[in-house]
C-alpha atoms as a PDB file:
ATOM      1  CA  MET A   1      94.905 138.891 256.252  1.00  0.00           C
ATOM      2  CA  GLN A   2      92.084 140.458 258.260  1.00  0.00           C
ATOM      3  CA  SER A   3      93.185 138.681 261.451  1.00  0.00           C
ATOM      4  CA  ALA A   4      96.769 139.805 260.867  1.00  0.00           C
ATOM      5  CA  ARG A   5      95.653 143.431 260.561  1.00  0.00           C
ATOM      6  CA  ARG A   6      93.585 143.129 263.737  1.00  0.00           C
ATOM      7  CA  PHE A   7      96.537 141.574 265.619  1.00  0.00           C
ATOM      8  CA  ALA A   8      98.826 144.400 264.501  1.00  0.00           C
ATOM      9  CA  ALA A   9      96.285 146.998 265.552  1.00  0.00           C
ATOM     10  CA  VAL A  10      95.880 145.443 268.985  1.00  0.00           C
ATOM     11  CA  CYS A  11      99.659 145.346 269.377  1.00  0.00           C
ATOM     12  CA  LEU A  12      99.787 149.018 268.474  1.00  0.00           C
ATOM     13  CA  LEU A  13      97.095 149.680 271.057  1.00  0.00           C
ATOM     14  CA  ALA A  14      99.052 147.837 273.738  1.00  0.00           C
ATOM     15  CA  VAL A  15     102.156 149.908 273.077  1.00  0.00           C
ATOM     16  CA  ALA A  16     100.267 153.175 272.829  1.00  0.00           C
ATOM     17  CA  GLY A  17      98.399 152.465 276.027  1.00  0.00           C
ATOM     18  CA  LEU A  18     101.623 152.862 277.969  1.00  0.00           C
ATOM     19  CA  VAL A  19     102.217 156.427 276.851  1.00  0.00           C
ATOM     20  CA  GLY A  20     102.261 158.333 280.137  1.00  0.00           C
ATOM     21  CA  LEU A  21     100.903 161.774 280.918  1.00  0.00           C
ATOM     22  CA  PRO A  22     103.348 164.491 282.076  1.00  0.00           C
ATOM     23  CA  ALA A  23     104.645 163.762 285.557  1.00  0.00           C
ATOM     24  CA  GLY A  24     103.418 167.078 286.895  1.00  0.00           C
ATOM     25  CA  ALA A  25      99.905 166.807 285.453  1.00  0.00           C
ATOM     26  CA  ALA A  26      97.294 167.512 288.106  1.00  0.00           C
ATOM     27  CA  VAL A  27      93.677 166.457 287.948  1.00  0.00           C
ATOM     28  CA  ALA A  28      91.023 168.718 289.456  1.00  0.00           C
ATOM     29  CA  ASP A  29      88.296 167.198 291.586  1.00  0.00           C
ATOM     30  CA  ASP A  30      85.635 168.092 289.017  1.00  0.00           C
ATOM     31  CA  ASP A  31      87.576 166.611 286.072  1.00  0.00           C
ATOM     32  CA  PRO A  32      86.123 163.434 284.543  1.00  0.00           C
ATOM     33  CA  ALA A  33      87.894 160.195 285.301  1.00  0.00           C
ATOM     34  CA  TRP A  34      88.528 159.706 281.589  1.00  0.00           C
ATOM     35  CA  SER A  35      88.087 161.510 278.267  1.00  0.00           C
ATOM     36  CA  VAL A  36      87.968 160.758 274.552  1.00  0.00           C
ATOM     37  CA  ALA A  37      89.161 162.939 271.648  1.00  0.00           C
ATOM     38  CA  PRO A  38      90.629 162.740 268.148  1.00  0.00           C
ATOM     39  CA  SER A  39      94.327 161.973 268.232  1.00  0.00           C
ATOM     40  CA  SER A  40      96.574 164.913 267.398  1.00  0.00           C
ATOM     41  CA  GLY A  41      98.779 164.848 264.318  1.00  0.00           C
ATOM     42  CA  SER A  42      96.680 162.384 262.321  1.00  0.00           C
ATOM     43  CA  GLY A  43      93.650 162.421 260.085  1.00  0.00           C
ATOM     44  CA  ALA A  44      92.830 164.517 257.051  1.00  0.00           C
ATOM     45  CA  ARG A  45      92.841 167.802 258.960  1.00  0.00           C
ATOM     46  CA  PRO A  46      95.307 167.598 261.868  1.00  0.00           C
ATOM     47  CA  ALA A  47      95.815 170.556 264.176  1.00  0.00           C
ATOM     48  CA  GLU A  48      98.564 171.294 266.679  1.00  0.00           C
ATOM     49  CA  ASP A  49      96.047 172.243 269.372  1.00  0.00           C
ATOM     50  CA  GLY A  50      93.907 169.170 268.796  1.00  0.00           C
ATOM     51  CA  ARG A  51      90.900 168.472 266.629  1.00  0.00           C
ATOM     52  CA  PRO A  52      87.363 169.042 267.899  1.00  0.00           C
ATOM     53  CA  TYR A  53      86.036 166.299 265.615  1.00  0.00           C
ATOM     54  CA  PHE A  54      87.064 163.807 262.940  1.00  0.00           C
ATOM     55  CA  TYR A  55      86.974 164.837 259.290  1.00  0.00           C
ATOM     56  CA  MET A  56      87.310 161.999 256.768  1.00  0.00           C
ATOM     57  CA  GLU A  57      86.763 162.008 253.011  1.00  0.00           C
ATOM     58  CA  GLY A  58      87.013 159.271 250.421  1.00  0.00           C
ATOM     59  CA  ALA A  59      85.448 157.747 247.334  1.00  0.00           C
ATOM     60  CA  PRO A  60      82.934 154.866 247.382  1.00  0.00           C
ATOM     61  CA  GLY A  61      84.803 151.646 248.157  1.00  0.00           C
ATOM     62  CA  ALA A  62      87.609 153.411 250.054  1.00  0.00           C
ATOM     63  CA  VAL A  63      88.787 152.426 253.533  1.00  0.00           C
ATOM     64  CA  LEU A  64      89.647 155.468 255.672  1.00  0.00           C
ATOM     65  CA  GLU A  65      91.677 155.215 258.865  1.00  0.00           C
ATOM     66  CA  ASP A  66      92.189 157.419 261.916  1.00  0.00           C
ATOM     67  CA  THR A  67      92.937 157.164 265.627  1.00  0.00           C
ATOM     68  CA  VAL A  68      90.996 158.142 268.741  1.00  0.00           C
ATOM     69  CA  THR A  69      92.684 158.945 272.043  1.00  0.00           C
ATOM     70  CA  VAL A  70      91.193 157.710 275.323  1.00  0.00           C
ATOM     71  CA  THR A  71      92.840 159.335 278.350  1.00  0.00           C
ATOM     72  CA  ASN A  72      92.747 158.112 281.941  1.00  0.00           C
ATOM     73  CA  PRO A  73      94.136 160.773 284.310  1.00  0.00           C
ATOM     74  CA  GLY A  74      92.943 158.944 287.423  1.00  0.00           C
ATOM     75  CA  ASP A  75      94.700 156.729 289.926  1.00  0.00           C
ATOM     76  CA  ALA A  76      92.778 153.569 289.009  1.00  0.00           C
ATOM     77  CA  PRO A  77      92.584 151.592 285.766  1.00  0.00           C
ATOM     78  CA  ALA A  78      89.695 152.440 283.432  1.00  0.00           C
ATOM     79  CA  THR A  79      87.942 150.102 280.997  1.00  0.00           C
ATOM     80  CA  VAL A  80      86.139 152.053 278.275  1.00  0.00           C
ATOM     81  CA  ARG A  81      83.877 150.586 275.598  1.00  0.00           C
ATOM     82  CA  LEU A  82      83.776 152.141 272.120  1.00  0.00           C
ATOM     83  CA  ARG A  83      80.991 152.019 269.553  1.00  0.00           C
ATOM     84  CA  ALA A  84      79.636 153.973 266.574  1.00  0.00           C
ATOM     85  CA  ALA A  85      76.365 155.910 266.409  1.00  0.00           C
ATOM     86  CA  GLU A  86      74.202 157.762 263.911  1.00  0.00           C
ATOM     87  CA  ALA A  87      74.001 161.558 263.861  1.00  0.00           C
ATOM     88  CA  TYR A  88      70.660 163.300 263.332  1.00  0.00           C
ATOM     89  CA  ASN A  89      68.691 166.487 263.981  1.00  0.00           C
ATOM     90  CA  ARG A  90      65.997 166.638 266.607  1.00  0.00           C
ATOM     91  CA  ALA A  91      62.685 168.240 265.634  1.00  0.00           C
ATOM     92  CA  ASP A  92      63.860 171.600 267.033  1.00  0.00           C
ATOM     93  CA  GLY A  93      67.096 171.515 265.024  1.00  0.00           C
ATOM     94  CA  SER A  94      69.497 170.524 267.787  1.00  0.00           C
ATOM     95  CA  PHE A  95      72.226 168.003 266.964  1.00  0.00           C
ATOM     96  CA  ASP A  96      72.107 164.575 268.571  1.00  0.00           C
ATOM     97  CA  VAL A  97      73.269 161.006 268.064  1.00  0.00           C
ATOM     98  CA  ARG A  98      71.196 157.834 267.939  1.00  0.00           C
ATOM     99  CA  ASP A  99      72.934 155.236 270.061  1.00  0.00           C
ATOM    100  CA  SER A 100      72.205 151.722 268.797  1.00  0.00           C
ATOM    101  CA  ARG A 101      73.591 150.051 271.984  1.00  0.00           C
ATOM    102  CA  GLY A 102      74.842 146.782 270.592  1.00  0.00           C
ATOM    103  CA  GLY A 103      72.909 146.912 267.340  1.00  0.00           C
ATOM    104  CA  ARG A 104      74.690 147.863 264.147  1.00  0.00           C
ATOM    105  CA  PRO A 105      73.876 151.445 263.009  1.00  0.00           C
ATOM    106  CA  SER A 106      72.065 151.507 259.682  1.00  0.00           C
ATOM    107  CA  GLY A 107      73.763 154.599 258.228  1.00  0.00           C
ATOM    108  CA  ALA A 108      77.291 155.938 258.207  1.00  0.00           C
ATOM    109  CA  GLY A 109      77.782 154.800 261.785  1.00  0.00           C
ATOM    110  CA  GLY A 110      77.658 151.250 260.482  1.00  0.00           C
ATOM    111  CA  TRP A 111      80.735 151.933 258.371  1.00  0.00           C
ATOM    112  CA  LEU A 112      82.944 152.416 261.455  1.00  0.00           C
ATOM    113  CA  SER A 113      84.909 149.606 263.056  1.00  0.00           C
ATOM    114  CA  PHE A 114      87.490 149.690 265.883  1.00  0.00           C
ATOM    115  CA  ALA A 115      90.699 147.762 266.367  1.00  0.00           C
ATOM    116  CA  ASP A 116      89.278 146.931 269.798  1.00  0.00           C
ATOM    117  CA  ASP A 117      85.922 148.099 271.156  1.00  0.00           C
ATOM    118  CA  LYS A 118      86.930 147.464 274.783  1.00  0.00           C
ATOM    119  CA  VAL A 119      89.959 149.395 275.973  1.00  0.00           C
ATOM    120  CA  LYS A 120      91.634 148.971 279.389  1.00  0.00           C
ATOM    121  CA  ILE A 121      93.774 151.985 280.282  1.00  0.00           C
ATOM    122  CA  PRO A 122      96.227 152.011 283.204  1.00  0.00           C
ATOM    123  CA  PRO A 123      96.247 154.989 285.605  1.00  0.00           C
ATOM    124  CA  ARG A 124      97.617 158.281 284.284  1.00  0.00           C
ATOM    125  CA  THR A 125      98.025 156.999 280.732  1.00  0.00           C
ATOM    126  CA  ARG A 126      96.302 157.269 277.396  1.00  0.00           C
ATOM    127  CA  ALA A 127      95.488 154.773 274.655  1.00  0.00           C
ATOM    128  CA  GLU A 128      95.606 155.486 270.947  1.00  0.00           C
ATOM    129  CA  VAL A 129      92.889 153.298 269.410  1.00  0.00           C
ATOM    130  CA  PRO A 130      92.894 152.864 265.611  1.00  0.00           C
ATOM    131  CA  PHE A 131      89.591 152.694 263.782  1.00  0.00           C
ATOM    132  CA  SER A 132      88.539 152.564 260.147  1.00  0.00           C
ATOM    133  CA  VAL A 133      85.641 153.667 257.978  1.00  0.00           C
ATOM    134  CA  SER A 134      84.748 151.357 255.084  1.00  0.00           C
ATOM    135  CA  VAL A 135      82.800 153.419 252.545  1.00  0.00           C
ATOM    136  CA  PRO A 136      80.343 151.155 250.656  1.00  0.00           C
ATOM    137  CA  ASP A 137      80.717 150.904 246.887  1.00  0.00           C
ATOM    138  CA  GLY A 138      77.228 152.343 246.344  1.00  0.00           C
ATOM    139  CA  ALA A 139      77.510 155.215 248.840  1.00  0.00           C
ATOM    140  CA  THR A 140      75.980 158.457 247.573  1.00  0.00           C
ATOM    141  CA  PRO A 141      78.235 161.516 247.337  1.00  0.00           C
ATOM    142  CA  GLY A 142      77.991 164.169 250.023  1.00  0.00           C
ATOM    143  CA  ASP A 143      78.051 164.354 253.806  1.00  0.00           C
ATOM    144  CA  HIS A 144      77.296 161.322 255.978  1.00  0.00           C
ATOM    145  CA  PRO A 145      77.607 162.445 259.608  1.00  0.00           C
ATOM    146  CA  ALA A 146      78.217 159.896 262.342  1.00  0.00           C
ATOM    147  CA  ALA A 147      79.628 159.789 265.853  1.00  0.00           C
ATOM    148  CA  LEU A 148      81.996 157.777 268.005  1.00  0.00           C
ATOM    149  CA  ILE A 149      80.823 157.015 271.559  1.00  0.00           C
ATOM    150  CA  ALA A 150      82.873 155.927 274.551  1.00  0.00           C
ATOM    151  CA  GLU A 151      81.206 154.620 277.724  1.00  0.00           C
ATOM    152  CA  MET A 152      82.271 153.513 281.188  1.00  0.00           C
ATOM    153  CA  GLY A 153      80.333 153.240 284.443  1.00  0.00           C
ATOM    154  CA  GLY A 154      77.187 154.826 283.086  1.00  0.00           C
ATOM    155  CA  ARG A 155      79.008 157.889 281.738  1.00  0.00           C
ATOM    156  CA  LYS A 156      79.151 158.508 277.982  1.00  0.00           C
ATOM    157  CA  ALA A 157      81.283 160.854 275.891  1.00  0.00           C
ATOM    158  CA  GLY A 158      81.256 161.269 272.150  1.00  0.00           C
ATOM    159  CA  VAL A 159      83.224 162.665 269.231  1.00  0.00           C
ATOM    160  CA  ARG A 160      81.585 163.679 265.969  1.00  0.00           C
ATOM    161  CA  VAL A 161      82.708 162.170 262.681  1.00  0.00           C
ATOM    162  CA  HIS A 162      82.290 164.401 259.625  1.00  0.00           C
ATOM    163  CA  LEU A 163      82.429 161.936 256.760  1.00  0.00           C
ATOM    164  CA  ARG A 164      82.190 163.064 253.138  1.00  0.00           C
ATOM    165  CA  VAL A 165      81.905 160.709 250.193  1.00  0.00           C
ATOM    166  CA  SER A 166      83.663 162.123 247.126  1.00  0.00           C
ATOM    167  CA  GLY A 167      81.541 163.127 244.165  1.00  0.00           C
ATOM    168  CA  PRO A 168      79.089 165.869 243.133  1.00  0.00           C
ATOM    169  CA  THR A 169      77.606 167.849 246.008  1.00  0.00           C
ATOM    170  CA  LEU A 170      74.405 169.871 246.156  1.00  0.00           C
ATOM    171  CA  SER A 171      73.483 172.478 248.730  1.00  0.00           C
ATOM    172  CA  ALA A 172      69.733 173.128 248.811  1.00  0.00           C
ATOM    173  CA  VAL A 173      67.377 174.282 251.558  1.00  0.00           C
ATOM    174  CA  THR A 174      63.679 175.225 251.563  1.00  0.00           C
ATOM    175  CA  VAL A 175      61.342 176.895 254.058  1.00  0.00           C
ATOM    176  CA  GLU A 176      57.811 175.549 254.516  1.00  0.00           C
ATOM    177  CA  ASN A 177      54.673 175.676 256.700  1.00  0.00           C
ATOM    178  CA  VAL A 178      54.912 179.334 257.755  1.00  0.00           C
ATOM    179  CA  THR A 179      52.257 180.234 260.336  1.00  0.00           C
ATOM    180  CA  VAL A 180      51.711 183.049 262.855  1.00  0.00           C
ATOM    181  CA  ASP A 181      50.276 182.164 266.245  1.00  0.00           C
ATOM    182  CA  GLY A 182      50.169 184.933 268.790  1.00  0.00           C
ATOM    183  CA  ASP A 183      53.654 186.392 269.222  1.00  0.00           C
ATOM    184  CA  THR A 184      55.391 183.529 267.392  1.00  0.00           C
ATOM    185  CA  ILE A 185      56.169 182.752 263.753  1.00  0.00           C
ATOM    186  CA  THR A 186      56.510 178.995 263.225  1.00  0.00           C
ATOM    187  CA  TYR A 187      58.192 177.475 260.155  1.00  0.00           C
ATOM    188  CA  SER A 188      59.993 174.364 258.906  1.00  0.00           C
ATOM    189  CA  LEU A 189      63.380 174.057 257.189  1.00  0.00           C
ATOM    190  CA  VAL A 190      64.249 171.132 254.934  1.00  0.00           C
ATOM    191  CA  ASN A 191      67.750 170.219 253.758  1.00  0.00           C
ATOM    192  CA  ARG A 192      67.123 168.921 250.234  1.00  0.00           C
ATOM    193  CA  GLY A 193      70.800 168.584 249.307  1.00  0.00           C
ATOM    194  CA  ASN A 194      73.597 166.236 250.332  1.00  0.00           C
ATOM    195  CA  THR A 195      75.754 168.584 252.427  1.00  0.00           C
ATOM    196  CA  VAL A 196      75.474 169.775 256.021  1.00  0.00           C
ATOM    197  CA  LEU A 197      74.117 173.345 256.098  1.00  0.00           C
ATOM    198  CA  THR A 198      74.120 176.275 258.507  1.00  0.00           C
ATOM    199  CA  PRO A 199      71.003 178.138 257.305  1.00  0.00           C
ATOM    200  CA  LYS A 200      70.384 181.872 257.486  1.00  0.00           C
ATOM    201  CA  LEU A 201      66.934 183.402 257.933  1.00  0.00           C
ATOM    202  CA  ALA A 202      65.514 186.804 256.957  1.00  0.00           C
ATOM    203  CA  VAL A 203      62.010 187.927 258.014  1.00  0.00           C
ATOM    204  CA  HIS A 204      59.920 190.677 256.425  1.00  0.00           C
ATOM    205  CA  ALA A 205      56.295 191.659 256.973  1.00  0.00           C
ATOM    206  CA  GLU A 206      54.052 194.247 255.273  1.00  0.00           C
ATOM    207  CA  GLY A 207      50.765 195.483 256.706  1.00  0.00           C
ATOM    208  CA  LEU A 208      47.973 197.638 255.277  1.00  0.00           C
ATOM    209  CA  PHE A 209      49.884 200.790 256.167  1.00  0.00           C
ATOM    210  CA  GLY A 210      53.423 199.670 255.294  1.00  0.00           C
ATOM    211  CA  GLU A 211      56.307 197.680 256.738  1.00  0.00           C
ATOM    212  CA  VAL A 212      55.783 196.233 260.228  1.00  0.00           C
ATOM    213  CA  LEU A 213      58.784 193.874 260.493  1.00  0.00           C
ATOM    214  CA  ASP A 214      62.201 193.685 258.824  1.00  0.00           C
ATOM    215  CA  ARG A 215      64.972 191.405 260.106  1.00  0.00           C
ATOM    216  CA  GLY A 216      68.030 190.902 257.952  1.00  0.00           C
ATOM    217  CA  ALA A 217      69.517 187.481 257.239  1.00  0.00           C
ATOM    218  CA  ARG A 218      71.236 185.966 260.253  1.00  0.00           C
ATOM    219  CA  ALA A 219      72.733 182.533 260.892  1.00  0.00           C
ATOM    220  CA  LEU A 220      70.513 180.182 262.861  1.00  0.00           C
ATOM    221  CA  PRO A 221      71.935 178.023 265.682  1.00  0.00           C
ATOM    222  CA  VAL A 222      71.208 174.922 263.605  1.00  0.00           C
ATOM    223  CA  GLU A 223      73.445 172.449 261.794  1.00  0.00           C
ATOM    224  CA  LEU A 224      70.971 170.975 259.323  1.00  0.00           C
ATOM    225  CA  LEU A 225      71.947 167.501 258.175  1.00  0.00           C
ATOM    226  CA  PRO A 226      71.167 166.187 254.675  1.00  0.00           C
ATOM    227  CA  GLY A 227      67.576 165.058 254.219  1.00  0.00           C
ATOM    228  CA  ARG A 228      66.472 166.403 257.606  1.00  0.00           C
ATOM    229  CA  LYS A 229      63.476 168.602 258.436  1.00  0.00           C
ATOM    230  CA  VAL A 230      63.309 170.778 261.544  1.00  0.00           C
ATOM    231  CA  THR A 231      60.583 173.021 262.959  1.00  0.00           C
ATOM    232  CA  LEU A 232      61.700 176.349 264.391  1.00  0.00           C
ATOM    233  CA  ARG A 233      60.069 179.416 265.961  1.00  0.00           C
ATOM    234  CA  GLU A 234      60.748 183.109 265.522  1.00  0.00           C
ATOM    235  CA  PRO A 235      59.547 185.519 268.262  1.00  0.00           C
ATOM    236  CA  TRP A 236      57.481 188.554 267.208  1.00  0.00           C
ATOM    237  CA  THR A 237      56.591 190.363 270.408  1.00  0.00           C
ATOM    238  CA  ASP A 238      56.056 193.805 268.840  1.00  0.00           C
ATOM    239  CA  ARG A 239      53.542 192.746 266.191  1.00  0.00           C
ATOM    240  CA  PRO A 240      50.673 195.169 265.434  1.00  0.00           C
ATOM    241  CA  ALA A 241      47.466 194.642 267.371  1.00  0.00           C
ATOM    242  CA  PHE A 242      45.124 195.240 264.450  1.00  0.00           C
ATOM    243  CA  ASP A 243      46.243 194.747 260.847  1.00  0.00           C
ATOM    244  CA  SER A 244      46.237 192.451 257.828  1.00  0.00           C
ATOM    245  CA  VAL A 245      49.851 191.333 257.321  1.00  0.00           C
ATOM    246  CA  ARG A 246      51.857 189.338 254.794  1.00  0.00           C
ATOM    247  CA  VAL A 247      54.770 187.619 256.590  1.00  0.00           C
ATOM    248  CA  GLU A 248      57.620 186.544 254.300  1.00  0.00           C
ATOM    249  CA  LEU A 249      60.506 184.282 255.351  1.00  0.00           C
ATOM    250  CA  THR A 250      63.634 183.839 253.228  1.00  0.00           C
ATOM    251  CA  VAL A 251      66.153 181.091 253.965  1.00  0.00           C
ATOM    252  CA  SER A 252      69.657 180.814 252.514  1.00  0.00           C
ATOM    253  CA  ALA A 253      72.902 178.923 253.095  1.00  0.00           C
ATOM    254  CA  ASP A 254      76.422 178.873 251.677  1.00  0.00           C
ATOM    255  CA  GLY A 255      76.274 177.412 248.188  1.00  0.00           C
ATOM    256  CA  ALA A 256      72.464 177.164 248.235  1.00  0.00           C
ATOM    257  CA  ALA A 257      69.886 179.260 246.409  1.00  0.00           C
ATOM    258  CA  LYS A 258      67.500 181.361 248.478  1.00  0.00           C
ATOM    259  CA  ASP A 259      63.985 180.112 249.101  1.00  0.00           C
ATOM    260  CA  THR A 260      61.008 182.217 250.208  1.00  0.00           C
ATOM    261  CA  GLN A 261      57.673 181.294 251.750  1.00  0.00           C
ATOM    262  CA  ALA A 262      54.931 183.689 252.886  1.00  0.00           C
ATOM    263  CA  ALA A 263      51.768 183.588 254.986  1.00  0.00           C
ATOM    264  CA  GLU A 264      48.825 185.985 255.195  1.00  0.00           C
ATOM    265  CA  VAL A 265      47.481 186.710 258.664  1.00  0.00           C
ATOM    266  CA  ARG A 266      44.793 189.040 260.057  1.00  0.00           C
ATOM    267  CA  LEU A 267      45.769 190.383 263.435  1.00  0.00           C
ATOM    268  CA  VAL A 268      42.678 191.212 265.513  1.00  0.00           C
ATOM    269  CA  PRO A 269      42.609 192.124 269.240  1.00  0.00           C
ATOM    270  CA  TRP A 270      39.916 189.609 270.051  1.00  0.00           C
ATOM    271  CA  ALA A 271      39.825 190.530 273.734  1.00  0.00           C
ATOM    272  CA  ALA A 272      39.019 194.147 272.891  1.00  0.00           C
ATOM    273  CA  VAL A 273      36.517 193.049 270.255  1.00  0.00           C
ATOM    274  CA  ALA A 274      34.860 190.750 272.768  1.00  0.00           C
ATOM    275  CA  GLY A 275      34.730 193.562 275.318  1.00  0.00           C
ATOM    276  CA  GLY A 276      33.213 195.917 272.758  1.00  0.00           C
ATOM    277  CA  ALA A 277      30.671 193.297 271.795  1.00  0.00           C
ATOM    278  CA  VAL A 278      29.661 192.952 275.439  1.00  0.00           C
ATOM    279  CA  LEU A 279      29.172 196.712 275.669  1.00  0.00           C
ATOM    280  CA  VAL A 280      27.146 196.777 272.458  1.00  0.00           C
ATOM    281  CA  VAL A 281      24.968 193.883 273.578  1.00  0.00           C
ATOM    282  CA  GLY A 282      24.561 195.459 276.990  1.00  0.00           C
ATOM    283  CA  GLY A 283      23.616 198.824 275.468  1.00  0.00           C
ATOM    284  CA  ALA A 284      21.138 197.180 273.125  1.00  0.00           C
ATOM    285  CA  GLY A 285      19.611 195.321 276.053  1.00  0.00           C
ATOM    286  CA  LEU A 286      19.201 198.552 278.004  1.00  0.00           C
ATOM    287  CA  ALA A 287      17.585 200.218 274.996  1.00  0.00           C
ATOM    288  CA  VAL A 288      15.121 197.360 274.554  1.00  0.00           C
ATOM    289  CA  PHE A 289      14.344 197.459 278.284  1.00  0.00           C
ATOM    290  CA  ALA A 290      13.719 201.222 278.144  1.00  0.00           C
ATOM    291  CA  VAL A 291      11.388 200.910 275.156  1.00  0.00           C
ATOM    292  CA  ARG A 292       9.444 198.092 276.744  1.00  0.00           C
ATOM    293  CA  ARG A 293       9.174 199.997 280.014  1.00  0.00           C
ATOM    294  CA  ARG A 294       7.911 203.073 278.222  1.00  0.00           C
ATOM    295  CA  ARG A 295       5.303 201.007 276.422  1.00  0.00           C
ATOM    296  CA  ALA A 296       4.242 199.339 279.667  1.00  0.00           C
ATOM    297  CA  VAL A 297       3.806 202.708 281.400  1.00  0.00           C
ATOM    298  CA  THR A 298       1.785 204.067 278.486  1.00  0.00           C
ATOM    299  CA  ALA A 299      -0.445 200.984 278.479  1.00  0.00           C
ATOM    300  CA  PHE A 300      -0.958 201.288 282.244  1.00  0.00           C
ATOM    301  CA  LYS A 301      -2.002 204.927 281.943  1.00  0.00           C
ATOM    302  CA  ALA A 302      -4.354 204.014 279.166  1.00  0.00           C
ATOM    303  CA  GLU A 303      -6.014 201.425 281.393  1.00  0.00           C
ATOM    304  CA  LEU A 304      -6.618 204.064 284.077  1.00  0.00           C
ATOM    305  CA  GLN A 305      -8.455 206.363 281.629  1.00  0.00           C
ATOM    306  CA  PRO A 306     -12.240 205.630 281.087  1.00  0.00           C
ATOM    307  CA  PRO A 307     -13.527 204.957 277.606  1.00  0.00           C
ATOM    308  CA  ASP A 308     -14.568 207.953 275.486  1.00  0.00           C
ATOM    309  CA  GLY A 309     -18.366 207.537 276.150  1.00  0.00           C
ATOM    310  CA  GLN A 310     -17.916 207.264 279.872  1.00  0.00           C
ATOM    311  CA  ARG A 311     -15.566 210.228 279.784  1.00  0.00           C
ATOM    312  CA  GLU A 312     -18.300 212.395 278.205  1.00  0.00           C
ATOM    313  CA  LEU A 313     -20.925 211.246 280.778  1.00  0.00           C
ATOM    314  CA  VAL A 314     -18.537 211.970 283.605  1.00  0.00           C
ATOM    315  CA  THR A 315     -17.836 215.401 282.172  1.00  0.00           C
ATOM    316  CA  ALA A 316     -21.549 216.172 281.670  1.00  0.00           C
ATOM    317  CA  GLY A 317     -22.433 215.041 285.178  1.00  0.00           C
ATOM    318  CA  ALA A 318     -19.776 217.251 286.569  1.00  0.00           C
ATOM    319  CA  ARG A 319     -21.265 220.233 284.749  1.00  0.00           C
ATOM    320  CA  GLU A 320     -24.843 219.485 285.976  1.00  0.00           C
ATOM    321  CA  ASN A 321     -23.689 219.234 289.526  1.00  0.00           C
ATOM    322  CA  LYS A 322     -22.308 222.697 289.242  1.00  0.00           C
END
């Protein structure tokens, strides 16, 4: 049965590969020799103007199917290899994929399989390649992001796969490790739920004499995947030079409760303090030098004066001489 399905899929691929582009289609010099994208008019969320990514949803044990389009606008045949990859967040929050390169991905990427992972496309044609996602029986509910990668001649292109396993979902995000270093507030965000989140951040700070910073909630340029932790930085270039401040960060997201974390920081202009200390030390040194000099001069004058007895004899002799 499995071999029959694979044969039918390959036959479909062979027919679809002969679908030509419009006769008048022109290719600019800077256009890539080939491209990959979700096929229009299929999938759970089709769109007339094309889909930017795949969206697939099903219960544990389900087999989900879709089609990817590989287009070759060039004048020479193109042989493109297809494989699945894992999606993850980098430490700074940016989205990336972990390419296993021949090894089977351990997460949702391992659920993907293609009708053919090596596609040869004639010039000026496109191939519609079927693929499926086999959701494991024990898959946890929520979002399981993955990616589909195409490669030829050292060039890679990818399409994201937003896969959701049916069942209860939980949106939860926390903020941790808030610190202030110079003109930067550093903090960590953790997605503790099972859905992909776009977090929002609000920043507030109170000093000894009142409010010194107030930034309303704004969406961060981060797509935080389930179970991921990212470290971000917030600029604070107009912070007070001398104050004791409580910095409070509040994170929120659609469907998630707000979470707040604060840090106490004493802002001291150490350069000015160091300069003042140098002046104080220098002034103290001058004062000590002046006192010691005064004492030395007094002692020297005292050495030039004769003792009291000799002073009286000298005085008496001076009177007799007169």
